[in-house]
Amino acid sequence: MKVLFSPLVRSCFQEMEEILYEKEYFGFEDTAIQYVKELIFEIRDTLPKCRKKPAPTYFNKFGKNLYYSRFRKNKATQWYVFFTIYSVNGEDVYLVQYLSNNHVISKYL
């Protein structure tokens, strides 16, 4: 199994590092970068094992036949990962097409 990130999601990770530091969620830039890296690694390493649900139709603008899984980083924040699953040469490929957190999208789930 392989987990890949779309250009939109890769861009989102870069913006997330800046936002987390600039809005003072983390006091040090290195800490914000480490938080994002850990989120990336957790998604990459565990997404195929996570419980998945079909994404509501609201998220069709990010792709068709999307699923989503939840990643809890602390008591207040959960990240939602929206993805499609393809089979390439007999191998499952998870393509992450959108990422957001409960503070932004919980009303759509």
C-alpha atoms as a PDB file:
ATOM      1  CA  MET A   1       0.000   0.000   0.000  1.00  0.00           C
ATOM      2  CA  LYS A   2       1.121   3.493  -0.813  1.00  0.00           C
ATOM      3  CA  VAL A   3      -0.095   6.914   0.383  1.00  0.00           C
ATOM      4  CA  LEU A   4       0.359   9.903  -1.926  1.00  0.00           C
ATOM      5  CA  PHE A   5      -0.530  13.570  -1.418  1.00  0.00           C
ATOM      6  CA  SER A   6      -2.041  15.754  -4.138  1.00  0.00           C
ATOM      7  CA  PRO A   7      -0.386  19.102  -4.954  1.00  0.00           C
ATOM      8  CA  LEU A   8      -3.260  20.853  -3.131  1.00  0.00           C
ATOM      9  CA  VAL A   9      -2.559  18.915   0.066  1.00  0.00           C
ATOM     10  CA  ARG A  10       1.212  19.420  -0.161  1.00  0.00           C
ATOM     11  CA  SER A  11       0.570  23.154  -0.480  1.00  0.00           C
ATOM     12  CA  CYS A  12      -1.792  22.987   2.484  1.00  0.00           C
ATOM     13  CA  PHE A  13       0.934  21.440   4.650  1.00  0.00           C
ATOM     14  CA  GLN A  14       3.320  24.279   3.762  1.00  0.00           C
ATOM     15  CA  GLU A  15       0.710  26.921   4.587  1.00  0.00           C
ATOM     16  CA  MET A  16      -0.134  25.121   7.811  1.00  0.00           C
ATOM     17  CA  GLU A  17       3.440  25.475   9.070  1.00  0.00           C
ATOM     18  CA  GLU A  18       3.316  29.228   8.542  1.00  0.00           C
ATOM     19  CA  ILE A  19      -0.165  29.693  10.005  1.00  0.00           C
ATOM     20  CA  LEU A  20       0.579  27.673  13.139  1.00  0.00           C
ATOM     21  CA  TYR A  21       3.594  29.842  13.876  1.00  0.00           C
ATOM     22  CA  GLU A  22       2.252  33.230  12.761  1.00  0.00           C
ATOM     23  CA  LYS A  23      -1.010  32.849  14.704  1.00  0.00           C
ATOM     24  CA  GLU A  24       1.046  31.769  17.728  1.00  0.00           C
ATOM     25  CA  TYR A  25      -0.374  28.281  18.125  1.00  0.00           C
ATOM     26  CA  PHE A  26       3.287  27.387  18.593  1.00  0.00           C
ATOM     27  CA  GLY A  27       5.905  29.710  20.046  1.00  0.00           C
ATOM     28  CA  PHE A  28       8.714  28.464  17.851  1.00  0.00           C
ATOM     29  CA  GLU A  29       8.748  27.940  14.109  1.00  0.00           C
ATOM     30  CA  ASP A  30      10.608  24.641  14.523  1.00  0.00           C
ATOM     31  CA  THR A  31       7.792  23.339  16.725  1.00  0.00           C
ATOM     32  CA  ALA A  32       5.154  24.201  14.115  1.00  0.00           C
ATOM     33  CA  ILE A  33       7.219  22.476  11.420  1.00  0.00           C
ATOM     34  CA  GLN A  34       7.625  19.392  13.618  1.00  0.00           C
ATOM     35  CA  TYR A  35       3.856  19.256  14.260  1.00  0.00           C
ATOM     36  CA  VAL A  36       3.157  19.242  10.515  1.00  0.00           C
ATOM     37  CA  LYS A  37       5.852  16.638   9.839  1.00  0.00           C
ATOM     38  CA  GLU A  38       4.384  14.350  12.489  1.00  0.00           C
ATOM     39  CA  LEU A  39       0.926  14.746  10.966  1.00  0.00           C
ATOM     40  CA  ILE A  40       2.295  13.874   7.513  1.00  0.00           C
ATOM     41  CA  PHE A  41       4.114  10.809   8.840  1.00  0.00           C
ATOM     42  CA  GLU A  42       1.061   9.655  10.795  1.00  0.00           C
ATOM     43  CA  ILE A  43      -1.157   9.935   7.721  1.00  0.00           C
ATOM     44  CA  ARG A  44       1.412   8.234   5.495  1.00  0.00           C
ATOM     45  CA  ASP A  45       2.034   5.385   7.909  1.00  0.00           C
ATOM     46  CA  THR A  46      -1.462   4.668   9.220  1.00  0.00           C
ATOM     47  CA  LEU A  47      -4.097   5.815   6.689  1.00  0.00           C
ATOM     48  CA  PRO A  48      -4.524   2.360   5.099  1.00  0.00           C
ATOM     49  CA  LYS A  49      -5.229   0.910   8.576  1.00  0.00           C
ATOM     50  CA  CYS A  50      -7.650   3.648   9.678  1.00  0.00           C
ATOM     51  CA  ARG A  51     -11.400   3.355   9.737  1.00  0.00           C
ATOM     52  CA  LYS A  52     -12.790   5.105   6.665  1.00  0.00           C
ATOM     53  CA  LYS A  53     -16.203   6.545   5.887  1.00  0.00           C
ATOM     54  CA  PRO A  54     -17.694   7.778   2.613  1.00  0.00           C
ATOM     55  CA  ALA A  55     -17.324  11.550   2.405  1.00  0.00           C
ATOM     56  CA  PRO A  56     -20.476  13.675   2.300  1.00  0.00           C
ATOM     57  CA  THR A  57     -21.388  15.106  -1.110  1.00  0.00           C
ATOM     58  CA  TYR A  58     -20.202  18.551  -0.004  1.00  0.00           C
ATOM     59  CA  PHE A  59     -16.642  17.322  -0.538  1.00  0.00           C
ATOM     60  CA  ASN A  60     -17.180  16.138  -4.137  1.00  0.00           C
ATOM     61  CA  LYS A  61     -15.467  19.320  -5.293  1.00  0.00           C
ATOM     62  CA  PHE A  62     -12.201  17.703  -4.167  1.00  0.00           C
ATOM     63  CA  GLY A  63     -12.777  14.434  -5.995  1.00  0.00           C
ATOM     64  CA  LYS A  64     -15.300  11.720  -6.683  1.00  0.00           C
ATOM     65  CA  ASN A  65     -15.833   8.645  -4.535  1.00  0.00           C
ATOM     66  CA  LEU A  66     -13.946  10.182  -1.615  1.00  0.00           C
ATOM     67  CA  TYR A  67     -13.540   8.592   1.760  1.00  0.00           C
ATOM     68  CA  TYR A  68     -12.356  10.277   4.915  1.00  0.00           C
ATOM     69  CA  SER A  69     -10.539   9.310   8.072  1.00  0.00           C
ATOM     70  CA  ARG A  70      -9.922  11.221  11.264  1.00  0.00           C
ATOM     71  CA  PHE A  71      -6.619  11.919  12.995  1.00  0.00           C
ATOM     72  CA  ARG A  72      -6.754  13.316  16.516  1.00  0.00           C
ATOM     73  CA  LYS A  73      -3.732  15.446  17.417  1.00  0.00           C
ATOM     74  CA  ASN A  74      -4.963  16.747  20.795  1.00  0.00           C
ATOM     75  CA  LYS A  75      -8.189  17.187  22.782  1.00  0.00           C
ATOM     76  CA  ALA A  76      -9.299  20.167  20.695  1.00  0.00           C
ATOM     77  CA  THR A  77      -8.138  19.355  17.167  1.00  0.00           C
ATOM     78  CA  GLN A  78      -8.938  16.528  14.798  1.00  0.00           C
ATOM     79  CA  TRP A  79      -7.672  16.462  11.240  1.00  0.00           C
ATOM     80  CA  TYR A  80      -9.872  15.019   8.531  1.00  0.00           C
ATOM     81  CA  VAL A  81      -8.153  13.447   5.548  1.00  0.00           C
ATOM     82  CA  PHE A  82     -10.163  12.996   2.338  1.00  0.00           C
ATOM     83  CA  PHE A  83      -8.866  10.453  -0.144  1.00  0.00           C
ATOM     84  CA  THR A  84      -9.586   8.093  -2.977  1.00  0.00           C
ATOM     85  CA  ILE A  85      -8.291   4.558  -3.300  1.00  0.00           C
ATOM     86  CA  TYR A  86      -6.919   3.268  -6.571  1.00  0.00           C
ATOM     87  CA  SER A  87      -5.443  -0.035  -7.547  1.00  0.00           C
ATOM     88  CA  VAL A  88      -2.242   0.232  -9.583  1.00  0.00           C
ATOM     89  CA  ASN A  89      -0.628  -3.030 -10.669  1.00  0.00           C
ATOM     90  CA  GLY A  90      -2.406  -4.839  -7.837  1.00  0.00           C
ATOM     91  CA  GLU A  91      -1.236  -2.345  -5.190  1.00  0.00           C
ATOM     92  CA  ASP A  92      -3.674  -0.088  -3.316  1.00  0.00           C
ATOM     93  CA  VAL A  93      -2.785   3.577  -3.657  1.00  0.00           C
ATOM     94  CA  TYR A  94      -4.363   6.110  -1.314  1.00  0.00           C
ATOM     95  CA  LEU A  95      -4.430   9.572  -2.876  1.00  0.00           C
ATOM     96  CA  VAL A  96      -5.051  12.268  -0.270  1.00  0.00           C
ATOM     97  CA  GLN A  97      -6.968  15.031  -2.036  1.00  0.00           C
ATOM     98  CA  TYR A  98      -8.063  17.320   0.797  1.00  0.00           C
ATOM     99  CA  LEU A  99      -7.211  17.982   4.418  1.00  0.00           C
ATOM    100  CA  SER A 100      -8.880  20.143   7.038  1.00  0.00           C
ATOM    101  CA  ASN A 101      -9.670  20.190  10.736  1.00  0.00           C
ATOM    102  CA  ASN A 102     -12.770  20.098  12.912  1.00  0.00           C
ATOM    103  CA  HIS A 103     -12.619  23.865  13.509  1.00  0.00           C
ATOM    104  CA  VAL A 104     -13.259  24.470   9.804  1.00  0.00           C
ATOM    105  CA  ILE A 105     -15.365  21.611   8.427  1.00  0.00           C
ATOM    106  CA  SER A 106     -17.198  19.885  11.275  1.00  0.00           C
ATOM    107  CA  LYS A 107     -20.525  21.427  10.180  1.00  0.00           C
ATOM    108  CA  TYR A 108     -20.261  19.531   6.869  1.00  0.00           C
ATOM    109  CA  LEU A 109     -19.670  16.075   8.374  1.00  0.00           C
END
